[in-house]
Amino acid sequence: MGNAQPAPDGRIRVLYVMRPAAGGMRQHLLNLVRGLPSDAYVIAVAGPCGPYEESPDSSLTGALQDAGATVLPIPITGRIDPILDARAISLLRRYIISFRPHIVHCHGFKAGILGRVAVFLSRGPCRPFSVYTIHNTIIERTRGTPMGVLFAALESALASRTDCVITISEALRKEYLSMKGTSQERVVCIPNGIDISRFKQASEMARRNGGLRGDCRIGRVHVGTIARLIPAKGVDVFIKAARQLLDRGMDAVFLVVGDGPQRPELEKLTQDLDIQSSVRFLGFRDDIPAILESLDLFVLPTLSEGMSITILEAMAAGVPVVASDVGGVSEVVINEMTGRLVPPGDVAALADAIERALGEPDKARAMASLARLKVEEDFNLQTMLRRTDKLYKDLMASGHAL
């Protein structure tokens, strides 16, 4: 970072910049803020908190402050808004001047654009290092569209001024490197990590029940998904698969955990399919381990994904999983070993996989056991924190920002 040095007490100042976040990105950021040692870091978070928060029910502000972070509100939205975006960049520049971060670490596409522009405009010998984490696919999802052209142009302009790009899966890393102008040595993969201990009780309960809470031939089974209710998460595919399974005579209840702008549309879909009595919308919940403990099967029907935290949590809890084969999902769900993969958006294939998983409890138990071991070894929170800490310290040791 130019000529800047760590704080007098030796701590590194990190400014996180985030767009409106729920689900995986929200949890990822909280894990970093809570997990990085306070004797080594001073952390501030700039984002749609306080007066700019879009989802008061899932408020980040209190959680971030409880974790010891300073919260700096900025009017950042998930859409392009020239006036608000210019205001956000202006506020970020002020925060960079007042907080004097050594590292500005942006999360998500929109924050990655605005935050890195603010860093670039913060000229002088104390310009902070610029780090950008990619949480989801953008290139493939927007290829050939006006948004895709805009993204490619902005990323091409900013890539050379970014000290490090982090992806949460190898699939995202390969996708990003497919763009022109990206430097392979500055793009690293640090997979999502979760606190395994939070799901120990759920895992032990699953093992006592033989990998499934019950046999679908005996009692009503619980099949669930946890997601932000937006089109990219494919919850409509899950609901349509539920209709097929109920038509086949399965005695099941289908749980949808999470909230979002698509909820009214999804609730109407259950009414149109006449399955509202078998599909329950539970809204935003913070007792995910307890939810997972109640499930016989976890389903990830997403159409677009970097690396799902919820599927890691389900696997850590010992719950059998069925998931879409997209993004980095196949890096954790190895088909027929740690779970079952289906083509994204394929209702019939999803219904078949759910039926098969529930009909083979011994195999489900074996796969769930392997899945938990894989998460413990490759996707635990301490590994993610250790690698992030090393990356920050390596940047500081390099002595200068781009």
Foldseek 3Di string as FASTA:
>chain_A
DQQDADDPLQAAEEEEEEEQDDAPVLVLVLLQLQPFDPSHYAYEYEYCADPRHPDVVPHPVVSNVVSPYHYHYANHYPDDDPVSLVRRLVSLLVCCVVRVGQEYEYEEQRSLLSVLVSLVVNDDRSRHAYEYEYWWDDQVVQPPHPVNVVSLVSCLVRQVQHQAYEYQFVLVQVVVVVRPNHDNVRYYYQHAAAALVLQPVLQVLCVVCLLFVDAQVPAAAEEEEEDAPDVQQQVLLVLLLVLVLVVVVGRYAYEYEEYYDCVVVSCVSCVVSVNNVRYDYPYHDPSLSVVLSRHREYERLGNIGAEHPSVLSNLSNSHAYEYEPYHRPCVQCPDLAQHHYDHHPDSVRSSVRVVVLSNDSNSSNRNSVVSNVSSVVRHHSVSSNVVVVVVVVVVVVVPHGD
